[in-house]
Amino acid sequence: MSQIKDDPRDSSLEVALTFPKTWYQESSEGLNTSGMFLSGLIMVTRNRFLAWPAVLFSLNNLFNQHPARQKGDASSWSNLMLCIAALFASYIPLLIITRNPVSTPVA
């Protein structure tokens, strides 16, 4: 063996493997990003058919988060609230906008 103290082959320098308490979670997850994009698209176009997949994407992101891979859980909750707001924004015109009854001319 070598006489240098920092020799990687030295068996006295071995330490047990420990995993970190948290890992950095990248914010560019596919479903999370597509859910936020769909939420913005829904609020602009009010397309009700895109609202449900956006909510499913955000629920998938919320259910599949792991405490060991994140620093905070605000991202998944804010994504879920944004998708629910988009769902609400797409369905609220059905409740608010009403058609005026057509009056028939009296003869």
PDB file of N, CA and C in Angstrom:
ATOM      1  N   MET A   1       0.821  -1.177   0.000  1.00  0.00           N
ATOM      2  CA  MET A   1       0.000   0.000   0.000  1.00  0.00           C
ATOM      3  C   MET A   1       0.867   1.243   0.000  1.00  0.00           C
ATOM      4  N   SER A   2       0.237   2.316  -0.325  1.00  0.00           N
ATOM      5  CA  SER A   2       0.937   3.596  -0.395  1.00  0.00           C
ATOM      6  C   SER A   2       1.092   4.199   0.999  1.00  0.00           C
ATOM      7  N   GLN A   3       2.051   5.067   1.144  1.00  0.00           N
ATOM      8  CA  GLN A   3       2.301   5.720   2.422  1.00  0.00           C
ATOM      9  C   GLN A   3       1.485   6.999   2.584  1.00  0.00           C
ATOM     10  N   ILE A   4       0.732   7.403   1.586  1.00  0.00           N
ATOM     11  CA  ILE A   4      -0.047   8.643   1.649  1.00  0.00           C
ATOM     12  C   ILE A   4      -1.300   8.401   2.485  1.00  0.00           C
ATOM     13  N   LYS A   5      -1.667   9.408   3.319  1.00  0.00           N
ATOM     14  CA  LYS A   5      -2.817   9.255   4.225  1.00  0.00           C
ATOM     15  C   LYS A   5      -4.166   9.247   3.501  1.00  0.00           C
ATOM     16  N   ASP A   6      -4.264   9.876   2.341  1.00  0.00           N
ATOM     17  CA  ASP A   6      -5.550   9.942   1.647  1.00  0.00           C
ATOM     18  C   ASP A   6      -5.639   8.929   0.506  1.00  0.00           C
ATOM     19  N   ASP A   7      -5.011   7.815   0.664  1.00  0.00           N
ATOM     20  CA  ASP A   7      -5.054   6.765  -0.343  1.00  0.00           C
ATOM     21  C   ASP A   7      -6.449   6.137  -0.349  1.00  0.00           C
ATOM     22  N   PRO A   8      -7.168   6.130  -1.484  1.00  0.00           N
ATOM     23  CA  PRO A   8      -8.524   5.589  -1.515  1.00  0.00           C
ATOM     24  C   PRO A   8      -8.582   4.080  -1.314  1.00  0.00           C
ATOM     25  N   ARG A   9      -7.483   3.408  -1.424  1.00  0.00           N
ATOM     26  CA  ARG A   9      -7.460   1.956  -1.240  1.00  0.00           C
ATOM     27  C   ARG A   9      -7.273   1.555   0.217  1.00  0.00           C
ATOM     28  N   ASP A  10      -7.033   2.520   1.085  1.00  0.00           N
ATOM     29  CA  ASP A  10      -6.787   2.229   2.498  1.00  0.00           C
ATOM     30  C   ASP A  10      -8.092   1.784   3.156  1.00  0.00           C
ATOM     31  N   SER A  11      -8.117   0.617   3.746  1.00  0.00           N
ATOM     32  CA  SER A  11      -9.347   0.083   4.336  1.00  0.00           C
ATOM     33  C   SER A  11      -9.712   0.778   5.646  1.00  0.00           C
ATOM     34  N   SER A  12      -8.798   1.459   6.274  1.00  0.00           N
ATOM     35  CA  SER A  12      -9.129   2.155   7.524  1.00  0.00           C
ATOM     36  C   SER A  12      -9.918   3.437   7.277  1.00  0.00           C
ATOM     37  N   LEU A  13      -9.967   3.900   6.045  1.00  0.00           N
ATOM     38  CA  LEU A  13     -10.712   5.116   5.708  1.00  0.00           C
ATOM     39  C   LEU A  13     -12.140   4.823   5.261  1.00  0.00           C
ATOM     40  N   GLU A  14     -12.576   3.579   5.321  1.00  0.00           N
ATOM     41  CA  GLU A  14     -13.920   3.222   4.891  1.00  0.00           C
ATOM     42  C   GLU A  14     -14.954   3.743   5.880  1.00  0.00           C
ATOM     43  N   VAL A  15     -16.069   4.221   5.337  1.00  0.00           N
ATOM     44  CA  VAL A  15     -17.198   4.680   6.155  1.00  0.00           C
ATOM     45  C   VAL A  15     -18.462   4.014   5.622  1.00  0.00           C
ATOM     46  N   ALA A  16     -19.450   3.918   6.471  1.00  0.00           N
ATOM     47  CA  ALA A  16     -20.715   3.297   6.070  1.00  0.00           C
ATOM     48  C   ALA A  16     -21.466   4.217   5.113  1.00  0.00           C
ATOM     49  N   LEU A  17     -22.200   3.608   4.190  1.00  0.00           N
ATOM     50  CA  LEU A  17     -22.979   4.361   3.221  1.00  0.00           C
ATOM     51  C   LEU A  17     -24.203   4.959   3.908  1.00  0.00           C
ATOM     52  N   THR A  18     -24.393   6.261   3.785  1.00  0.00           N
ATOM     53  CA  THR A  18     -25.579   6.930   4.323  1.00  0.00           C
ATOM     54  C   THR A  18     -26.214   7.740   3.203  1.00  0.00           C
ATOM     55  N   PHE A  19     -27.533   7.661   3.119  1.00  0.00           N
ATOM     56  CA  PHE A  19     -28.260   8.413   2.115  1.00  0.00           C
ATOM     57  C   PHE A  19     -28.574   9.803   2.649  1.00  0.00           C
ATOM     58  N   PRO A  20     -28.653  10.799   1.792  1.00  0.00           N
ATOM     59  CA  PRO A  20     -28.984  12.145   2.264  1.00  0.00           C
ATOM     60  C   PRO A  20     -30.440  12.216   2.711  1.00  0.00           C
ATOM     61  N   LYS A  21     -30.737  13.169   3.594  1.00  0.00           N
ATOM     62  CA  LYS A  21     -32.112  13.309   4.086  1.00  0.00           C
ATOM     63  C   LYS A  21     -33.031  13.844   3.002  1.00  0.00           C
ATOM     64  N   THR A  22     -32.538  14.720   2.162  1.00  0.00           N
ATOM     65  CA  THR A  22     -33.340  15.235   1.051  1.00  0.00           C
ATOM     66  C   THR A  22     -32.496  15.232  -0.209  1.00  0.00           C
ATOM     67  N   TRP A  23     -33.180  15.038  -1.340  1.00  0.00           N
ATOM     68  CA  TRP A  23     -32.547  15.148  -2.637  1.00  0.00           C
ATOM     69  C   TRP A  23     -33.161  16.324  -3.352  1.00  0.00           C
ATOM     70  N   TYR A  24     -32.391  16.919  -4.206  1.00  0.00           N
ATOM     71  CA  TYR A  24     -32.889  18.044  -4.988  1.00  0.00           C
ATOM     72  C   TYR A  24     -33.910  17.537  -5.993  1.00  0.00           C
ATOM     73  N   GLN A  25     -35.066  18.166  -6.001  1.00  0.00           N
ATOM     74  CA  GLN A  25     -36.115  17.784  -6.938  1.00  0.00           C
ATOM     75  C   GLN A  25     -36.171  18.823  -8.045  1.00  0.00           C
ATOM     76  N   GLU A  26     -36.035  18.382  -9.265  1.00  0.00           N
ATOM     77  CA  GLU A  26     -36.083  19.319 -10.368  1.00  0.00           C
ATOM     78  C   GLU A  26     -37.521  19.724 -10.621  1.00  0.00           C
ATOM     79  N   SER A  27     -37.708  20.987 -10.977  1.00  0.00           N
ATOM     80  CA  SER A  27     -39.056  21.492 -11.182  1.00  0.00           C
ATOM     81  C   SER A  27     -39.575  21.209 -12.583  1.00  0.00           C
ATOM     82  N   SER A  28     -38.810  20.540 -13.404  1.00  0.00           N
ATOM     83  CA  SER A  28     -39.233  20.303 -14.778  1.00  0.00           C
ATOM     84  C   SER A  28     -39.774  18.890 -14.962  1.00  0.00           C
ATOM     85  N   GLU A  29     -40.639  18.450 -14.083  1.00  0.00           N
ATOM     86  CA  GLU A  29     -41.273  17.155 -14.272  1.00  0.00           C
ATOM     87  C   GLU A  29     -42.305  17.271 -15.385  1.00  0.00           C
ATOM     88  N   GLY A  30     -42.440  16.215 -16.142  1.00  0.00           N
ATOM     89  CA  GLY A  30     -43.295  16.263 -17.321  1.00  0.00           C
ATOM     90  C   GLY A  30     -44.757  16.510 -17.023  1.00  0.00           C
ATOM     91  N   LEU A  31     -45.343  15.733 -16.140  1.00  0.00           N
ATOM     92  CA  LEU A  31     -46.769  15.890 -15.859  1.00  0.00           C
ATOM     93  C   LEU A  31     -47.061  17.173 -15.091  1.00  0.00           C
ATOM     94  N   ASN A  32     -46.160  17.568 -14.217  1.00  0.00           N
ATOM     95  CA  ASN A  32     -46.354  18.804 -13.469  1.00  0.00           C
ATOM     96  C   ASN A  32     -46.346  19.997 -14.414  1.00  0.00           C
ATOM     97  N   THR A  33     -45.394  20.017 -15.327  1.00  0.00           N
ATOM     98  CA  THR A  33     -45.299  21.122 -16.274  1.00  0.00           C
ATOM     99  C   THR A  33     -46.488  21.129 -17.221  1.00  0.00           C
ATOM    100  N   SER A  34     -46.883  19.962 -17.707  1.00  0.00           N
ATOM    101  CA  SER A  34     -48.021  19.919 -18.626  1.00  0.00           C
ATOM    102  C   SER A  34     -49.319  20.268 -17.916  1.00  0.00           C
ATOM    103  N   GLY A  35     -49.451  19.915 -16.644  1.00  0.00           N
ATOM    104  CA  GLY A  35     -50.643  20.306 -15.898  1.00  0.00           C
ATOM    105  C   GLY A  35     -50.744  21.804 -15.716  1.00  0.00           C
ATOM    106  N   MET A  36     -49.627  22.452 -15.444  1.00  0.00           N
ATOM    107  CA  MET A  36     -49.647  23.908 -15.299  1.00  0.00           C
ATOM    108  C   MET A  36     -49.890  24.586 -16.645  1.00  0.00           C
ATOM    109  N   PHE A  37     -49.319  24.034 -17.713  1.00  0.00           N
ATOM    110  CA  PHE A  37     -49.560  24.589 -19.045  1.00  0.00           C
ATOM    111  C   PHE A  37     -51.031  24.446 -19.430  1.00  0.00           C
ATOM    112  N   LEU A  38     -51.606  23.277 -19.164  1.00  0.00           N
ATOM    113  CA  LEU A  38     -53.023  23.074 -19.473  1.00  0.00           C
ATOM    114  C   LEU A  38     -53.909  23.994 -18.645  1.00  0.00           C
ATOM    115  N   SER A  39     -53.530  24.264 -17.402  1.00  0.00           N
ATOM    116  CA  SER A  39     -54.328  25.158 -16.569  1.00  0.00           C
ATOM    117  C   SER A  39     -54.361  26.562 -17.150  1.00  0.00           C
ATOM    118  N   GLY A  40     -53.223  27.037 -17.613  1.00  0.00           N
ATOM    119  CA  GLY A  40     -53.200  28.350 -18.258  1.00  0.00           C
ATOM    120  C   GLY A  40     -53.994  28.356 -19.546  1.00  0.00           C
ATOM    121  N   LEU A  41     -53.898  27.276 -20.314  1.00  0.00           N
ATOM    122  CA  LEU A  41     -54.643  27.173 -21.562  1.00  0.00           C
ATOM    123  C   LEU A  41     -56.146  27.107 -21.302  1.00  0.00           C
ATOM    124  N   ILE A  42     -56.539  26.444 -20.239  1.00  0.00           N
ATOM    125  CA  ILE A  42     -57.958  26.330 -19.894  1.00  0.00           C
ATOM    126  C   ILE A  42     -58.520  27.687 -19.505  1.00  0.00           C
ATOM    127  N   MET A  43     -57.749  28.456 -18.727  1.00  0.00           N
ATOM    128  CA  MET A  43     -58.247  29.760 -18.301  1.00  0.00           C
ATOM    129  C   MET A  43     -58.379  30.720 -19.471  1.00  0.00           C
ATOM    130  N   VAL A  44     -57.574  30.537 -20.507  1.00  0.00           N
ATOM    131  CA  VAL A  44     -57.668  31.404 -21.677  1.00  0.00           C
ATOM    132  C   VAL A  44     -58.796  30.954 -22.598  1.00  0.00           C
ATOM    133  N   THR A  45     -58.895  29.655 -22.852  1.00  0.00           N
ATOM    134  CA  THR A  45     -59.871  29.161 -23.826  1.00  0.00           C
ATOM    135  C   THR A  45     -61.181  28.696 -23.204  1.00  0.00           C
ATOM    136  N   ARG A  46     -61.200  28.455 -21.911  1.00  0.00           N
ATOM    137  CA  ARG A  46     -62.366  27.919 -21.191  1.00  0.00           C
ATOM    138  C   ARG A  46     -62.838  26.592 -21.794  1.00  0.00           C
ATOM    139  N   ASN A  47     -61.885  25.772 -22.148  1.00  0.00           N
ATOM    140  CA  ASN A  47     -62.178  24.455 -22.699  1.00  0.00           C
ATOM    141  C   ASN A  47     -62.359  23.479 -21.540  1.00  0.00           C
ATOM    142  N   ARG A  48     -63.577  23.005 -21.356  1.00  0.00           N
ATOM    143  CA  ARG A  48     -63.877  22.122 -20.230  1.00  0.00           C
ATOM    144  C   ARG A  48     -63.253  20.741 -20.388  1.00  0.00           C
ATOM    145  N   PHE A  49     -62.984  20.327 -21.613  1.00  0.00           N
ATOM    146  CA  PHE A  49     -62.449  18.986 -21.838  1.00  0.00           C
ATOM    147  C   PHE A  49     -60.972  18.881 -21.475  1.00  0.00           C
ATOM    148  N   LEU A  50     -60.264  19.992 -21.419  1.00  0.00           N
ATOM    149  CA  LEU A  50     -58.864  19.976 -20.996  1.00  0.00           C
ATOM    150  C   LEU A  50     -58.721  20.125 -19.489  1.00  0.00           C
ATOM    151  N   ALA A  51     -59.783  20.508 -18.808  1.00  0.00           N
ATOM    152  CA  ALA A  51     -59.689  20.758 -17.369  1.00  0.00           C
ATOM    153  C   ALA A  51     -59.521  19.465 -16.576  1.00  0.00           C
ATOM    154  N   TRP A  52     -60.201  18.432 -16.976  1.00  0.00           N
ATOM    155  CA  TRP A  52     -60.122  17.181 -16.216  1.00  0.00           C
ATOM    156  C   TRP A  52     -58.753  16.513 -16.307  1.00  0.00           C
ATOM    157  N   PRO A  53     -58.111  16.430 -17.489  1.00  0.00           N
ATOM    158  CA  PRO A  53     -56.739  15.884 -17.489  1.00  0.00           C
ATOM    159  C   PRO A  53     -55.760  16.732 -16.682  1.00  0.00           C
ATOM    160  N   ALA A  54     -55.943  18.043 -16.659  1.00  0.00           N
ATOM    161  CA  ALA A  54     -55.051  18.893 -15.862  1.00  0.00           C
ATOM    162  C   ALA A  54     -55.193  18.579 -14.379  1.00  0.00           C
ATOM    163  N   VAL A  55     -56.422  18.346 -13.929  1.00  0.00           N
ATOM    164  CA  VAL A  55     -56.632  17.984 -12.524  1.00  0.00           C
ATOM    165  C   VAL A  55     -56.017  16.613 -12.236  1.00  0.00           C
ATOM    166  N   LEU A  56     -56.154  15.677 -13.173  1.00  0.00           N
ATOM    167  CA  LEU A  56     -55.546  14.354 -12.983  1.00  0.00           C
ATOM    168  C   LEU A  56     -54.023  14.430 -12.953  1.00  0.00           C
ATOM    169  N   PHE A  57     -53.440  15.280 -13.799  1.00  0.00           N
ATOM    170  CA  PHE A  57     -51.985  15.454 -13.775  1.00  0.00           C
ATOM    171  C   PHE A  57     -51.526  16.026 -12.445  1.00  0.00           C
ATOM    172  N   SER A  58     -52.268  16.985 -11.923  1.00  0.00           N
ATOM    173  CA  SER A  58     -51.856  17.590 -10.652  1.00  0.00           C
ATOM    174  C   SER A  58     -52.046  16.616  -9.490  1.00  0.00           C
ATOM    175  N   LEU A  59     -53.108  15.805  -9.532  1.00  0.00           N
ATOM    176  CA  LEU A  59     -53.283  14.789  -8.492  1.00  0.00           C
ATOM    177  C   LEU A  59     -52.183  13.731  -8.575  1.00  0.00           C
ATOM    178  N   ASN A  60     -51.794  13.376  -9.795  1.00  0.00           N
ATOM    179  CA  ASN A  60     -50.693  12.431  -9.967  1.00  0.00           C
ATOM    180  C   ASN A  60     -49.405  12.991  -9.371  1.00  0.00           C
ATOM    181  N   ASN A  61     -49.160  14.262  -9.602  1.00  0.00           N
ATOM    182  CA  ASN A  61     -47.968  14.893  -9.040  1.00  0.00           C
ATOM    183  C   ASN A  61     -48.044  14.932  -7.515  1.00  0.00           C
ATOM    184  N   LEU A  62     -49.215  15.187  -6.978  1.00  0.00           N
ATOM    185  CA  LEU A  62     -49.378  15.261  -5.526  1.00  0.00           C
ATOM    186  C   LEU A  62     -49.199  13.890  -4.880  1.00  0.00           C
ATOM    187  N   PHE A  63     -49.776  12.851  -5.481  1.00  0.00           N
ATOM    188  CA  PHE A  63     -49.694  11.512  -4.899  1.00  0.00           C
ATOM    189  C   PHE A  63     -48.310  10.889  -5.043  1.00  0.00           C
ATOM    190  N   ASN A  64     -47.580  11.256  -6.083  1.00  0.00           N
ATOM    191  CA  ASN A  64     -46.284  10.631  -6.341  1.00  0.00           C
ATOM    192  C   ASN A  64     -45.103  11.413  -5.799  1.00  0.00           C
ATOM    193  N   GLN A  65     -45.349  12.414  -4.991  1.00  0.00           N
ATOM    194  CA  GLN A  65     -44.216  13.121  -4.396  1.00  0.00           C
ATOM    195  C   GLN A  65     -43.687  12.310  -3.222  1.00  0.00           C
ATOM    196  N   HIS A  66     -42.389  12.377  -3.022  1.00  0.00           N
ATOM    197  CA  HIS A  66     -41.734  11.641  -1.949  1.00  0.00           C
ATOM    198  C   HIS A  66     -41.020  12.630  -1.043  1.00  0.00           C
ATOM    199  N   PRO A  67     -41.153  12.481   0.258  1.00  0.00           N
ATOM    200  CA  PRO A  67     -40.507  13.434   1.159  1.00  0.00           C
ATOM    201  C   PRO A  67     -38.991  13.434   1.043  1.00  0.00           C
ATOM    202  N   ALA A  68     -38.401  12.337   0.613  1.00  0.00           N
ATOM    203  CA  ALA A  68     -36.948  12.282   0.516  1.00  0.00           C
ATOM    204  C   ALA A  68     -36.420  12.992  -0.719  1.00  0.00           C
ATOM    205  N   ARG A  69     -37.309  13.299  -1.689  1.00  0.00           N
ATOM    206  CA  ARG A  69     -36.840  13.907  -2.929  1.00  0.00           C
ATOM    207  C   ARG A  69     -37.241  15.357  -3.064  1.00  0.00           C
ATOM    208  N   GLN A  70     -37.645  16.014  -2.036  1.00  0.00           N
ATOM    209  CA  GLN A  70     -38.117  17.379  -2.188  1.00  0.00           C
ATOM    210  C   GLN A  70     -37.651  18.242  -1.040  1.00  0.00           C
ATOM    211  N   LYS A  71     -37.618  19.519  -1.290  1.00  0.00           N
ATOM    212  CA  LYS A  71     -37.270  20.467  -0.245  1.00  0.00           C
ATOM    213  C   LYS A  71     -38.525  21.109   0.334  1.00  0.00           C
ATOM    214  N   GLY A  72     -39.584  21.190  -0.445  1.00  0.00           N
ATOM    215  CA  GLY A  72     -40.839  21.750   0.027  1.00  0.00           C
ATOM    216  C   GLY A  72     -41.985  21.163  -0.761  1.00  0.00           C
ATOM    217  N   ASP A  73     -43.165  21.132  -0.185  1.00  0.00           N
ATOM    218  CA  ASP A  73     -44.301  20.536  -0.878  1.00  0.00           C
ATOM    219  C   ASP A  73     -45.250  21.587  -1.430  1.00  0.00           C
ATOM    220  N   ALA A  74     -44.830  22.834  -1.507  1.00  0.00           N
ATOM    221  CA  ALA A  74     -45.719  23.890  -1.983  1.00  0.00           C
ATOM    222  C   ALA A  74     -45.969  23.783  -3.478  1.00  0.00           C
ATOM    223  N   SER A  75     -45.044  23.231  -4.230  1.00  0.00           N
ATOM    224  CA  SER A  75     -45.192  23.171  -5.676  1.00  0.00           C
ATOM    225  C   SER A  75     -46.365  22.294  -6.092  1.00  0.00           C
ATOM    226  N   SER A  76     -46.504  21.124  -5.497  1.00  0.00           N
ATOM    227  CA  SER A  76     -47.592  20.236  -5.895  1.00  0.00           C
ATOM    228  C   SER A  76     -48.941  20.762  -5.423  1.00  0.00           C
ATOM    229  N   TRP A  77     -48.978  21.379  -4.250  1.00  0.00           N
ATOM    230  CA  TRP A  77     -50.242  21.937  -3.768  1.00  0.00           C
ATOM    231  C   TRP A  77     -50.658  23.155  -4.590  1.00  0.00           C
ATOM    232  N   SER A  78     -49.714  23.992  -4.960  1.00  0.00           N
ATOM    233  CA  SER A  78     -50.067  25.156  -5.775  1.00  0.00           C
ATOM    234  C   SER A  78     -50.504  24.728  -7.168  1.00  0.00           C
ATOM    235  N   ASN A  79     -49.894  23.677  -7.701  1.00  0.00           N
ATOM    236  CA  ASN A  79     -50.312  23.151  -8.996  1.00  0.00           C
ATOM    237  C   ASN A  79     -51.730  22.595  -8.913  1.00  0.00           C
ATOM    238  N   LEU A  80     -52.053  21.897  -7.833  1.00  0.00           N
ATOM    239  CA  LEU A  80     -53.404  21.364  -7.665  1.00  0.00           C
ATOM    240  C   LEU A  80     -54.428  22.491  -7.555  1.00  0.00           C
ATOM    241  N   MET A  81     -54.106  23.526  -6.799  1.00  0.00           N
ATOM    242  CA  MET A  81     -55.043  24.646  -6.655  1.00  0.00           C
ATOM    243  C   MET A  81     -55.221  25.388  -7.983  1.00  0.00           C
ATOM    244  N   LEU A  82     -54.151  25.516  -8.758  1.00  0.00           N
ATOM    245  CA  LEU A  82     -54.249  26.156 -10.066  1.00  0.00           C
ATOM    246  C   LEU A  82     -55.136  25.342 -10.998  1.00  0.00           C
ATOM    247  N   CYS A  83     -55.006  24.029 -10.984  1.00  0.00           N
ATOM    248  CA  CYS A  83     -55.832  23.182 -11.851  1.00  0.00           C
ATOM    249  C   CYS A  83     -57.293  23.193 -11.423  1.00  0.00           C
ATOM    250  N   ILE A  84     -57.546  23.231 -10.125  1.00  0.00           N
ATOM    251  CA  ILE A  84     -58.931  23.317  -9.648  1.00  0.00           C
ATOM    252  C   ILE A  84     -59.531  24.673 -10.003  1.00  0.00           C
ATOM    253  N   ALA A  85     -58.732  25.731  -9.911  1.00  0.00           N
ATOM    254  CA  ALA A  85     -59.217  27.054 -10.314  1.00  0.00           C
ATOM    255  C   ALA A  85     -59.516  27.086 -11.809  1.00  0.00           C
ATOM    256  N   ALA A  86     -58.703  26.411 -12.606  1.00  0.00           N
ATOM    257  CA  ALA A  86     -58.962  26.344 -14.043  1.00  0.00           C
ATOM    258  C   ALA A  86     -60.226  25.541 -14.328  1.00  0.00           C
ATOM    259  N   LEU A  87     -60.443  24.472 -13.577  1.00  0.00           N
ATOM    260  CA  LEU A  87     -61.674  23.691 -13.725  1.00  0.00           C
ATOM    261  C   LEU A  87     -62.888  24.538 -13.365  1.00  0.00           C
ATOM    262  N   PHE A  88     -62.768  25.289 -12.291  1.00  0.00           N
ATOM    263  CA  PHE A  88     -63.854  26.174 -11.874  1.00  0.00           C
ATOM    264  C   PHE A  88     -64.090  27.262 -12.920  1.00  0.00           C
ATOM    265  N   ALA A  89     -63.006  27.833 -13.460  1.00  0.00           N
ATOM    266  CA  ALA A  89     -63.142  28.895 -14.458  1.00  0.00           C
ATOM    267  C   ALA A  89     -63.753  28.383 -15.753  1.00  0.00           C
ATOM    268  N   SER A  90     -63.578  27.110 -16.050  1.00  0.00           N
ATOM    269  CA  SER A  90     -64.159  26.583 -17.280  1.00  0.00           C
ATOM    270  C   SER A  90     -65.640  26.252 -17.128  1.00  0.00           C
ATOM    271  N   TYR A  91     -66.075  25.932 -15.910  1.00  0.00           N
ATOM    272  CA  TYR A  91     -67.483  25.575 -15.707  1.00  0.00           C
ATOM    273  C   TYR A  91     -68.341  26.725 -15.195  1.00  0.00           C
ATOM    274  N   ILE A  92     -67.749  27.783 -14.676  1.00  0.00           N
ATOM    275  CA  ILE A  92     -68.549  28.871 -14.108  1.00  0.00           C
ATOM    276  C   ILE A  92     -69.403  29.601 -15.155  1.00  0.00           C
ATOM    277  N   PRO A  93     -68.983  29.726 -16.426  1.00  0.00           N
ATOM    278  CA  PRO A  93     -69.892  30.369 -17.383  1.00  0.00           C
ATOM    279  C   PRO A  93     -71.197  29.611 -17.595  1.00  0.00           C
ATOM    280  N   LEU A  94     -71.198  28.305 -17.365  1.00  0.00           N
ATOM    281  CA  LEU A  94     -72.451  27.553 -17.494  1.00  0.00           C
ATOM    282  C   LEU A  94     -73.452  27.948 -16.417  1.00  0.00           C
ATOM    283  N   LEU A  95     -72.947  28.373 -15.268  1.00  0.00           N
ATOM    284  CA  LEU A  95     -73.826  28.737 -14.166  1.00  0.00           C
ATOM    285  C   LEU A  95     -74.225  30.205 -14.189  1.00  0.00           C
ATOM    286  N   ILE A  96     -73.349  31.055 -14.682  1.00  0.00           N
ATOM    287  CA  ILE A  96     -73.608  32.495 -14.618  1.00  0.00           C
ATOM    288  C   ILE A  96     -74.317  33.008 -15.861  1.00  0.00           C
ATOM    289  N   ILE A  97     -73.835  32.630 -17.031  1.00  0.00           N
ATOM    290  CA  ILE A  97     -74.391  33.158 -18.272  1.00  0.00           C
ATOM    291  C   ILE A  97     -75.688  32.417 -18.572  1.00  0.00           C
ATOM    292  N   THR A  98     -76.753  33.156 -18.595  1.00  0.00           N
ATOM    293  CA  THR A  98     -78.057  32.569 -18.913  1.00  0.00           C
ATOM    294  C   THR A  98     -78.597  33.222 -20.173  1.00  0.00           C
ATOM    295  N   ARG A  99     -79.385  32.486 -20.869  1.00  0.00           N
ATOM    296  CA  ARG A  99     -79.994  33.022 -22.083  1.00  0.00           C
ATOM    297  C   ARG A  99     -81.286  33.737 -21.709  1.00  0.00           C
ATOM    298  N   ASN A 100     -81.487  34.858 -22.361  1.00  0.00           N
ATOM    299  CA  ASN A 100     -82.738  35.581 -22.135  1.00  0.00           C
ATOM    300  C   ASN A 100     -83.862  34.847 -22.855  1.00  0.00           C
ATOM    301  N   PRO A 101     -84.997  34.725 -22.194  1.00  0.00           N
ATOM    302  CA  PRO A 101     -86.107  34.050 -22.877  1.00  0.00           C
ATOM    303  C   PRO A 101     -86.568  34.873 -24.080  1.00  0.00           C
ATOM    304  N   VAL A 102     -86.781  34.173 -25.161  1.00  0.00           N
ATOM    305  CA  VAL A 102     -87.220  34.840 -26.383  1.00  0.00           C
ATOM    306  C   VAL A 102     -88.715  35.102 -26.258  1.00  0.00           C
ATOM    307  N   SER A 103     -89.072  36.357 -26.394  1.00  0.00           N
ATOM    308  CA  SER A 103     -90.503  36.692 -26.297  1.00  0.00           C
ATOM    309  C   SER A 103     -91.139  36.541 -27.674  1.00  0.00           C
ATOM    310  N   THR A 104     -92.268  35.897 -27.684  1.00  0.00           N
ATOM    311  CA  THR A 104     -92.986  35.714 -28.946  1.00  0.00           C
ATOM    312  C   THR A 104     -93.849  36.944 -29.194  1.00  0.00           C
ATOM    313  N   PRO A 105     -93.897  37.380 -30.416  1.00  0.00           N
ATOM    314  CA  PRO A 105     -94.722  38.568 -30.707  1.00  0.00           C
ATOM    315  C   PRO A 105     -96.210  38.241 -30.549  1.00  0.00           C
ATOM    316  N   VAL A 106     -96.892  39.157 -29.923  1.00  0.00           N
ATOM    317  CA  VAL A 106     -98.328  38.976 -29.701  1.00  0.00           C
ATOM    318  C   VAL A 106     -99.059  39.391 -30.970  1.00  0.00           C
ATOM    319  N   ALA A 107     -99.893  38.498 -31.509  1.00  0.00           N
ATOM    320  CA  ALA A 107    -100.595  38.814 -32.745  1.00  0.00           C
ATOM    321  C   ALA A 107    -102.031  39.157 -32.503  1.00  0.00           C
TER     322      ALA A 107
END
